[in-house]
C-alpha atoms as a PDB file:
ATOM      1  CA  MET A   1      -3.887  75.408-133.280  1.00  0.00           C
ATOM      2  CA  GLY A   2      -0.224  76.503-133.393  1.00  0.00           C
ATOM      3  CA  HIS A   3       2.425  74.627-131.498  1.00  0.00           C
ATOM      4  CA  ALA A   4       3.036  77.488-129.035  1.00  0.00           C
ATOM      5  CA  VAL A   5      -0.681  77.841-128.387  1.00  0.00           C
ATOM      6  CA  LYS A   6      -1.046  74.114-127.807  1.00  0.00           C
ATOM      7  CA  GLN A   7       1.853  74.130-125.359  1.00  0.00           C
ATOM      8  CA  ALA A   8       0.371  77.065-123.446  1.00  0.00           C
ATOM      9  CA  PHE A   9      -3.037  75.374-123.379  1.00  0.00           C
ATOM     10  CA  PHE A  10      -1.626  72.107-122.085  1.00  0.00           C
ATOM     11  CA  ARG A  11       0.505  73.888-119.494  1.00  0.00           C
ATOM     12  CA  LYS A  12      -2.398  75.891-118.073  1.00  0.00           C
ATOM     13  CA  THR A  13      -4.717  72.899-118.213  1.00  0.00           C
ATOM     14  CA  GLY A  14      -2.113  70.741-116.501  1.00  0.00           C
ATOM     15  CA  ILE A  15      -1.644  73.230-113.669  1.00  0.00           C
ATOM     16  CA  ALA A  16      -5.399  73.450-113.125  1.00  0.00           C
ATOM     17  CA  ILE A  17      -5.759  69.674-113.112  1.00  0.00           C
ATOM     18  CA  VAL A  18      -2.876  69.207-110.687  1.00  0.00           C
ATOM     19  CA  LEU A  19      -4.356  71.747-108.269  1.00  0.00           C
ATOM     20  CA  PHE A  20      -7.709  70.003-108.529  1.00  0.00           C
ATOM     21  CA  ALA A  21      -6.131  66.619-107.900  1.00  0.00           C
ATOM     22  CA  ILE A  22      -4.207  67.752-104.845  1.00  0.00           C
ATOM     23  CA  ALA A  23      -7.074  69.707-103.297  1.00  0.00           C
ATOM     24  CA  GLY A  24     -10.167  67.901-104.507  1.00  0.00           C
ATOM     25  CA  CYS A  25      -9.664  64.171-103.976  1.00  0.00           C
ATOM     26  CA  SER A  26     -11.977  62.855-101.282  1.00  0.00           C
ATOM     27  CA  VAL A  27     -10.500  61.019 -98.305  1.00  0.00           C
ATOM     28  CA  PRO A  28     -11.967  57.928 -96.571  1.00  0.00           C
ATOM     29  CA  GLU A  29     -12.703  58.052 -92.864  1.00  0.00           C
ATOM     30  CA  THR A  30     -10.372  55.115 -92.253  1.00  0.00           C
ATOM     31  CA  PRO A  31      -7.048  55.175 -94.170  1.00  0.00           C
ATOM     32  CA  GLY A  32      -6.605  52.194 -96.492  1.00  0.00           C
ATOM     33  CA  GLU A  33     -10.263  51.226 -96.682  1.00  0.00           C
ATOM     34  CA  ILE A  34     -12.151  50.955 -99.954  1.00  0.00           C
ATOM     35  CA  HIS A  35     -13.573  54.420-100.566  1.00  0.00           C
ATOM     36  CA  ASP A  36     -16.366  54.182-103.111  1.00  0.00           C
ATOM     37  CA  PRO A  37     -18.927  56.979-102.595  1.00  0.00           C
ATOM     38  CA  TYR A  38     -19.863  56.814-106.299  1.00  0.00           C
ATOM     39  CA  GLU A  39     -20.648  53.104-106.313  1.00  0.00           C
ATOM     40  CA  GLY A  40     -24.061  53.529-107.918  1.00  0.00           C
ATOM     41  CA  VAL A  41     -22.663  55.403-110.922  1.00  0.00           C
ATOM     42  CA  ASN A  42     -19.583  53.193-111.021  1.00  0.00           C
ATOM     43  CA  ARG A  43     -21.725  50.072-111.292  1.00  0.00           C
ATOM     44  CA  VAL A  44     -23.602  51.555-114.248  1.00  0.00           C
ATOM     45  CA  VAL A  45     -20.294  52.312-115.976  1.00  0.00           C
ATOM     46  CA  HIS A  46     -19.016  48.831-115.104  1.00  0.00           C
ATOM     47  CA  ALA A  47     -22.083  47.243-116.697  1.00  0.00           C
ATOM     48  CA  SER A  48     -21.484  49.322-119.835  1.00  0.00           C
ATOM     49  CA  ASN A  49     -17.787  48.399-119.931  1.00  0.00           C
ATOM     50  CA  LYS A  50     -18.641  44.747-119.443  1.00  0.00           C
ATOM     51  CA  ALA A  51     -21.167  44.849-122.293  1.00  0.00           C
ATOM     52  CA  THR A  52     -18.591  46.569-124.521  1.00  0.00           C
ATOM     53  CA  ASP A  53     -16.089  43.857-123.703  1.00  0.00           C
ATOM     54  CA  ARG A  54     -18.599  41.099-124.405  1.00  0.00           C
ATOM     55  CA  LEU A  55     -19.796  42.596-127.689  1.00  0.00           C
ATOM     56  CA  PHE A  56     -16.539  44.029-129.028  1.00  0.00           C
ATOM     57  CA  PHE A  57     -13.223  43.655-127.192  1.00  0.00           C
ATOM     58  CA  ARG A  58     -13.542  39.972-126.372  1.00  0.00           C
ATOM     59  CA  PRO A  59     -14.486  38.775-129.907  1.00  0.00           C
ATOM     60  CA  ALA A  60     -12.172  41.314-131.584  1.00  0.00           C
ATOM     61  CA  SER A  61      -9.236  40.192-129.451  1.00  0.00           C
ATOM     62  CA  GLN A  62      -9.908  36.544-130.272  1.00  0.00           C
ATOM     63  CA  LEU A  63     -10.049  37.356-133.979  1.00  0.00           C
ATOM     64  CA  TYR A  64      -6.883  39.426-133.746  1.00  0.00           C
ATOM     65  CA  GLY A  65      -5.008  36.892-131.640  1.00  0.00           C
ATOM     66  CA  ASN A  66      -5.881  33.943-133.857  1.00  0.00           C
ATOM     67  CA  ALA A  67      -5.371  35.749-137.168  1.00  0.00           C
ATOM     68  CA  VAL A  68      -2.143  37.647-136.459  1.00  0.00           C
ATOM     69  CA  PRO A  69       1.041  35.663-135.706  1.00  0.00           C
ATOM     70  CA  ALA A  70       2.443  36.097-132.214  1.00  0.00           C
ATOM     71  CA  PRO A  71       5.721  37.751-133.351  1.00  0.00           C
ATOM     72  CA  VAL A  72       3.760  40.398-135.251  1.00  0.00           C
ATOM     73  CA  ARG A  73       1.453  41.019-132.314  1.00  0.00           C
ATOM     74  CA  ARG A  74       4.456  41.295-130.015  1.00  0.00           C
ATOM     75  CA  SER A  75       6.162  43.798-132.314  1.00  0.00           C
ATOM     76  CA  LEU A  76       3.082  46.017-132.526  1.00  0.00           C
ATOM     77  CA  SER A  77       2.743  45.944-128.744  1.00  0.00           C
ATOM     78  CA  ASN A  78       6.425  46.791-128.422  1.00  0.00           C
ATOM     79  CA  ALA A  79       5.968  49.819-130.698  1.00  0.00           C
ATOM     80  CA  SER A  80       3.057  51.046-128.617  1.00  0.00           C
ATOM     81  CA  SER A  81       4.997  50.580-125.388  1.00  0.00           C
ATOM     82  CA  ASN A  82       8.001  52.393-126.832  1.00  0.00           C
ATOM     83  CA  LEU A  83       5.924  55.506-127.489  1.00  0.00           C
ATOM     84  CA  SER A  84       5.382  55.844-123.739  1.00  0.00           C
ATOM     85  CA  GLY A  85       9.113  56.437-123.327  1.00  0.00           C
ATOM     86  CA  PRO A  86       9.034  60.267-123.397  1.00  0.00           C
ATOM     87  CA  ARG A  87       6.115  60.267-120.948  1.00  0.00           C
ATOM     88  CA  ASN A  88       8.070  58.009-118.601  1.00  0.00           C
ATOM     89  CA  VAL A  89      11.098  60.293-118.725  1.00  0.00           C
ATOM     90  CA  VAL A  90       9.081  63.442-117.992  1.00  0.00           C
ATOM     91  CA  ASN A  91       7.283  61.795-115.073  1.00  0.00           C
ATOM     92  CA  ASP A  92      10.525  60.367-113.694  1.00  0.00           C
ATOM     93  CA  LEU A  93      11.998  63.874-113.640  1.00  0.00           C
ATOM     94  CA  ALA A  94       8.850  65.279-112.038  1.00  0.00           C
ATOM     95  CA  GLN A  95       9.214  62.623-109.334  1.00  0.00           C
ATOM     96  CA  GLY A  96      12.858  63.535-108.785  1.00  0.00           C
ATOM     97  CA  ASN A  97      13.954  60.114-110.025  1.00  0.00           C
ATOM     98  CA  VAL A  98      16.930  61.051-112.188  1.00  0.00           C
ATOM     99  CA  GLU A  99      18.255  57.487-112.413  1.00  0.00           C
ATOM    100  CA  ASP A 100      15.025  56.120-113.898  1.00  0.00           C
ATOM    101  CA  ALA A 101      14.753  59.142-116.190  1.00  0.00           C
ATOM    102  CA  GLY A 102      18.168  58.382-117.681  1.00  0.00           C
ATOM    103  CA  HIS A 103      17.344  54.672-117.849  1.00  0.00           C
ATOM    104  CA  ASN A 104      14.061  55.279-119.684  1.00  0.00           C
ATOM    105  CA  LEU A 105      15.619  57.835-122.025  1.00  0.00           C
ATOM    106  CA  MET A 106      18.313  55.362-123.073  1.00  0.00           C
ATOM    107  CA  ARG A 107      15.704  52.625-123.443  1.00  0.00           C
ATOM    108  CA  PHE A 108      13.600  54.855-125.713  1.00  0.00           C
ATOM    109  CA  LEU A 109      16.608  55.850-127.848  1.00  0.00           C
ATOM    110  CA  VAL A 110      17.840  52.252-128.230  1.00  0.00           C
ATOM    111  CA  ASN A 111      14.440  50.835-129.159  1.00  0.00           C
ATOM    112  CA  SER A 112      13.639  53.761-131.462  1.00  0.00           C
ATOM    113  CA  THR A 113      16.855  53.228-133.433  1.00  0.00           C
ATOM    114  CA  VAL A 114      18.271  49.717-133.077  1.00  0.00           C
ATOM    115  CA  GLY A 115      14.761  48.414-132.393  1.00  0.00           C
ATOM    116  CA  LEU A 116      13.342  49.958-135.585  1.00  0.00           C
ATOM    117  CA  LEU A 117      10.934  52.507-134.066  1.00  0.00           C
ATOM    118  CA  GLY A 118      10.167  50.194-131.176  1.00  0.00           C
ATOM    119  CA  LEU A 119       9.023  47.176-133.178  1.00  0.00           C
ATOM    120  CA  PHE A 120      11.709  45.209-131.388  1.00  0.00           C
ATOM    121  CA  ASP A 121      12.996  45.454-127.826  1.00  0.00           C
ATOM    122  CA  PRO A 122      16.799  45.094-127.873  1.00  0.00           C
ATOM    123  CA  ALA A 123      16.940  47.435-124.866  1.00  0.00           C
ATOM    124  CA  SER A 124      15.578  44.725-122.561  1.00  0.00           C
ATOM    125  CA  GLY A 125      17.738  41.964-123.986  1.00  0.00           C
ATOM    126  CA  SER A 126      21.111  43.083-125.307  1.00  0.00           C
ATOM    127  CA  PHE A 127      21.364  46.331-123.320  1.00  0.00           C
ATOM    128  CA  GLY A 128      19.829  45.285-119.999  1.00  0.00           C
ATOM    129  CA  LEU A 129      17.414  48.226-119.981  1.00  0.00           C
ATOM    130  CA  ASP A 130      14.240  46.728-118.561  1.00  0.00           C
ATOM    131  CA  ALA A 131      10.896  48.509-118.779  1.00  0.00           C
ATOM    132  CA  ARG A 132      10.251  50.954-115.920  1.00  0.00           C
ATOM    133  CA  ASP A 133       6.844  52.386-116.672  1.00  0.00           C
ATOM    134  CA  THR A 134       5.346  55.257-114.752  1.00  0.00           C
ATOM    135  CA  GLY A 135       2.726  57.945-115.266  1.00  0.00           C
ATOM    136  CA  PHE A 136       1.342  61.160-113.903  1.00  0.00           C
ATOM    137  CA  GLY A 137      -0.850  59.288-111.442  1.00  0.00           C
ATOM    138  CA  GLU A 138       2.327  58.014-109.799  1.00  0.00           C
ATOM    139  CA  THR A 139       3.810  61.511-109.965  1.00  0.00           C
ATOM    140  CA  LEU A 140       0.809  62.873-108.072  1.00  0.00           C
ATOM    141  CA  ALA A 141       1.256  60.145-105.460  1.00  0.00           C
ATOM    142  CA  VAL A 142       4.909  61.138-105.031  1.00  0.00           C
ATOM    143  CA  TRP A 143       3.822  64.759-104.649  1.00  0.00           C
ATOM    144  CA  GLY A 144       1.489  63.759-101.833  1.00  0.00           C
ATOM    145  CA  ALA A 145      -1.902  63.819-103.577  1.00  0.00           C
ATOM    146  CA  GLN A 146      -4.481  61.564-101.921  1.00  0.00           C
ATOM    147  CA  GLU A 147      -5.753  58.479-103.744  1.00  0.00           C
ATOM    148  CA  GLY A 148      -9.311  59.761-103.590  1.00  0.00           C
ATOM    149  CA  ALA A 149     -12.444  57.806-104.346  1.00  0.00           C
ATOM    150  CA  TYR A 150     -12.600  54.725-106.526  1.00  0.00           C
ATOM    151  CA  LEU A 151     -13.860  55.327-110.064  1.00  0.00           C
ATOM    152  CA  GLU A 152     -14.676  53.131-113.017  1.00  0.00           C
ATOM    153  CA  LEU A 153     -14.133  55.066-116.214  1.00  0.00           C
ATOM    154  CA  PRO A 154     -15.896  54.371-119.513  1.00  0.00           C
ATOM    155  CA  LEU A 155     -13.658  52.102-121.637  1.00  0.00           C
ATOM    156  CA  PHE A 156     -10.602  52.779-119.436  1.00  0.00           C
ATOM    157  CA  GLY A 157     -11.910  50.701-116.546  1.00  0.00           C
ATOM    158  CA  PRO A 158     -10.915  50.939-112.861  1.00  0.00           C
ATOM    159  CA  SER A 159      -9.191  54.020-111.516  1.00  0.00           C
ATOM    160  CA  THR A 160      -9.202  56.472-108.635  1.00  0.00           C
ATOM    161  CA  GLU A 161      -9.699  60.208-108.589  1.00  0.00           C
ATOM    162  CA  ARG A 162      -5.931  60.694-108.502  1.00  0.00           C
ATOM    163  CA  ASP A 163      -5.211  58.158-111.260  1.00  0.00           C
ATOM    164  CA  ALA A 164      -8.016  59.533-113.435  1.00  0.00           C
ATOM    165  CA  VAL A 165      -6.383  62.965-113.322  1.00  0.00           C
ATOM    166  CA  GLY A 166      -3.081  61.314-114.141  1.00  0.00           C
ATOM    167  CA  GLN A 167      -4.590  59.592-117.174  1.00  0.00           C
ATOM    168  CA  VAL A 168      -5.984  62.892-118.469  1.00  0.00           C
ATOM    169  CA  VAL A 169      -2.600  64.619-118.143  1.00  0.00           C
ATOM    170  CA  ASP A 170      -0.758  61.694-119.733  1.00  0.00           C
ATOM    171  CA  LEU A 171      -3.241  61.681-122.603  1.00  0.00           C
ATOM    172  CA  PHE A 172      -3.525  65.383-123.390  1.00  0.00           C
ATOM    173  CA  ALA A 173      -0.060  66.608-122.426  1.00  0.00           C
ATOM    174  CA  ASN A 174       1.844  63.898-124.266  1.00  0.00           C
ATOM    175  CA  PRO A 175       5.566  64.774-124.636  1.00  0.00           C
ATOM    176  CA  LEU A 176       5.417  63.152-128.083  1.00  0.00           C
ATOM    177  CA  ASP A 177       3.716  66.335-129.276  1.00  0.00           C
ATOM    178  CA  THR A 178       7.049  68.109-128.893  1.00  0.00           C
ATOM    179  CA  ILE A 179       8.587  65.553-131.271  1.00  0.00           C
ATOM    180  CA  PHE A 180       5.725  65.001-133.722  1.00  0.00           C
ATOM    181  CA  ASP A 181       2.869  67.371-134.523  1.00  0.00           C
ATOM    182  CA  GLU A 182       0.398  64.510-134.136  1.00  0.00           C
ATOM    183  CA  GLY A 183       2.202  62.633-131.401  1.00  0.00           C
ATOM    184  CA  SER A 184      -0.910  61.950-129.320  1.00  0.00           C
ATOM    185  CA  ASP A 185      -2.797  60.666-132.375  1.00  0.00           C
ATOM    186  CA  ILE A 186       0.064  58.330-133.228  1.00  0.00           C
ATOM    187  CA  ALA A 187       0.161  56.997-129.665  1.00  0.00           C
ATOM    188  CA  ALA A 188      -3.599  56.458-129.604  1.00  0.00           C
ATOM    189  CA  ALA A 189      -3.603  54.643-132.953  1.00  0.00           C
ATOM    190  CA  THR A 190      -0.764  52.295-132.033  1.00  0.00           C
ATOM    191  CA  SER A 191      -2.254  51.472-128.632  1.00  0.00           C
ATOM    192  CA  PHE A 192      -5.281  49.689-130.088  1.00  0.00           C
ATOM    193  CA  PRO A 193      -3.420  46.551-131.296  1.00  0.00           C
ATOM    194  CA  SER A 194      -1.686  46.422-127.917  1.00  0.00           C
ATOM    195  CA  VAL A 195      -5.041  46.494-126.102  1.00  0.00           C
ATOM    196  CA  LEU A 196      -6.379  43.671-128.268  1.00  0.00           C
ATOM    197  CA  ASN A 197      -3.219  41.637-127.733  1.00  0.00           C
ATOM    198  CA  SER A 198      -3.387  42.083-123.965  1.00  0.00           C
ATOM    199  CA  ARG A 199      -7.053  41.094-123.941  1.00  0.00           C
ATOM    200  CA  PHE A 200      -6.210  37.987-125.977  1.00  0.00           C
ATOM    201  CA  GLU A 201      -3.249  36.908-123.860  1.00  0.00           C
ATOM    202  CA  LEU A 202      -5.096  37.516-120.571  1.00  0.00           C
ATOM    203  CA  ALA A 203      -8.346  36.003-121.803  1.00  0.00           C
ATOM    204  CA  ASP A 204      -8.643  33.324-119.120  1.00  0.00           C
ATOM    205  CA  THR A 205      -7.993  35.758-116.271  1.00  0.00           C
ATOM    206  CA  VAL A 206     -10.230  38.539-117.569  1.00  0.00           C
ATOM    207  CA  ASP A 207     -13.046  36.142-118.458  1.00  0.00           C
ATOM    208  CA  SER A 208     -12.973  34.558-115.007  1.00  0.00           C
ATOM    209  CA  ILE A 209     -13.193  37.981-113.385  1.00  0.00           C
ATOM    210  CA  LEU A 210     -15.852  39.514-115.598  1.00  0.00           C
ATOM    211  CA  TYR A 211     -18.027  36.493-116.318  1.00  0.00           C
ATOM    212  CA  GLU A 212     -17.417  33.831-113.668  1.00  0.00           C
ATOM    213  CA  SER A 213     -17.522  35.832-110.426  1.00  0.00           C
ATOM    214  CA  ALA A 214     -20.492  36.458-108.170  1.00  0.00           C
ATOM    215  CA  ASP A 215     -19.888  40.208-108.293  1.00  0.00           C
ATOM    216  CA  SER A 216     -17.496  41.255-111.034  1.00  0.00           C
ATOM    217  CA  TYR A 217     -17.657  44.904-109.960  1.00  0.00           C
ATOM    218  CA  ALA A 218     -16.475  44.202-106.413  1.00  0.00           C
ATOM    219  CA  GLN A 219     -13.891  41.765-107.720  1.00  0.00           C
ATOM    220  CA  LEU A 220     -12.503  44.313-110.149  1.00  0.00           C
ATOM    221  CA  ARG A 221     -12.482  47.100-107.583  1.00  0.00           C
ATOM    222  CA  LEU A 222     -10.596  45.135-104.933  1.00  0.00           C
ATOM    223  CA  PHE A 223      -7.959  43.803-107.294  1.00  0.00           C
ATOM    224  CA  TYR A 224      -7.280  47.211-108.818  1.00  0.00           C
ATOM    225  CA  LEU A 225      -6.989  49.044-105.491  1.00  0.00           C
ATOM    226  CA  GLU A 226      -4.795  46.430-103.833  1.00  0.00           C
ATOM    227  CA  SER A 227      -2.504  45.926-106.822  1.00  0.00           C
ATOM    228  CA  ARG A 228      -2.229  49.679-107.438  1.00  0.00           C
ATOM    229  CA  ARG A 229      -1.413  50.389-103.796  1.00  0.00           C
ATOM    230  CA  PHE A 230       1.157  47.614-103.872  1.00  0.00           C
ATOM    231  CA  GLN A 231       2.680  49.097-107.034  1.00  0.00           C
ATOM    232  CA  LEU A 232       2.986  52.535-105.436  1.00  0.00           C
ATOM    233  CA  SER A 233       4.205  51.281-102.060  1.00  0.00           C
ATOM    234  CA  GLY A 234       7.856  51.373-103.109  1.00  0.00           C
ATOM    235  CA  GLN A 235       8.636  48.148-101.285  1.00  0.00           C
ATOM    236  CA  THR A 236      11.876  46.606-102.419  1.00  0.00           C
ATOM    237  CA  SER A 237      12.679  43.893 -99.886  1.00  0.00           C
ATOM    238  CA  ALA A 238      10.978  40.547 -99.475  1.00  0.00           C
ATOM    239  CA  GLU A 239      10.742  40.897 -95.696  1.00  0.00           C
ATOM    240  CA  ASN A 240       8.816  44.181 -95.944  1.00  0.00           C
ATOM    241  CA  ALA A 241       6.718  43.275 -98.963  1.00  0.00           C
ATOM    242  CA  PHE A 242       3.148  42.119 -98.684  1.00  0.00           C
ATOM    243  CA  ASP A 243       1.051  39.986-100.977  1.00  0.00           C
ATOM    244  CA  PRO A 244      -1.822  42.059-102.425  1.00  0.00           C
ATOM    245  CA  TYR A 245      -3.732  38.835-103.121  1.00  0.00           C
ATOM    246  CA  GLU A 246      -3.433  37.327 -99.647  1.00  0.00           C
ATOM    247  CA  ASN A 247      -6.902  38.400 -98.491  1.00  0.00           C
ATOM    248  CA  LEU A 248      -8.330  38.535-101.968  1.00  0.00           C
ATOM    249  CA  TYR A 249     -11.728  37.111-101.155  1.00  0.00           C
ATOM    250  CA  ASP A 250     -12.358  38.993 -97.922  1.00  0.00           C
ATOM    251  CA  GLU A 251     -14.479  41.517 -99.810  1.00  0.00           C
ATOM    252  CA  VAL A 252     -16.194  39.166-102.237  1.00  0.00           C
ATOM    253  CA  TYR A 253     -13.603  38.876-105.037  1.00  0.00           C
ATOM    254  CA  GLU A 254     -10.681  40.466-106.778  1.00  0.00           C
ATOM    255  CA  GLY A 255     -10.654  42.168-110.215  1.00  0.00           C
ATOM    256  CA  LEU A 256      -8.819  43.294-113.283  1.00  0.00           C
ATOM    257  CA  TYR A 257      -9.423  45.531-116.297  1.00  0.00           C
ATOM    258  CA  ASP A 258      -6.263  47.615-116.317  1.00  0.00           C
ATOM    259  CA  GLU A 259      -5.693  47.554-120.038  1.00  0.00           C
ATOM    260  CA  PHE A 260      -9.091  48.993-120.980  1.00  0.00           C
END
């Protein structure tokens, strides 16, 4: 598929997905409540994801974490994170956040050059350019799209209708394709070591959620929704901020699976 054809395909697909996201996300009767009309299907997917973690991700991450030195693991994760730079810039601009767009562009340029293609992160240290990640799910939220129903996606874990659309756009309309012909393939390949490293470093937390809770599905769902809402709330002052974990056990348990 030629470059122009691919761009046209992604543009038309993106427009269709955005319209679907804005118009099609279901809305709970009470704002802010857990809206999970697909719970039956979600629980089946959760069981599959949990089995995949038990049989593959958990042992693979332990093997990777114990066999590969921490500095190497950190560098590979840095490289994967750096490749999200163009996506961050595009989404910042779509959100009307010019300051963050410039910040993320400079961060990407510094780490891609001085940081040797992102293997190192001098932007955070020497240049004071901290990571400011975003995505199309956040862009949709800024545009006014509703959160929609809770979903658990195969391999990707917890999401919502809005965030699932955002993940699809981020995946298939990757700005890296304008820089490299196989930009999306490169990003996908480099993300795998980062996933294993995250699973290794968060082993205690993830294991307690998936294998030590009375209902790992409910735990995962509550944690994701509360932490995601907190992330998108835009609160910047301590007096207005709220703790997303304060009432963590009011609905059985909290949860996590964001890296998968």
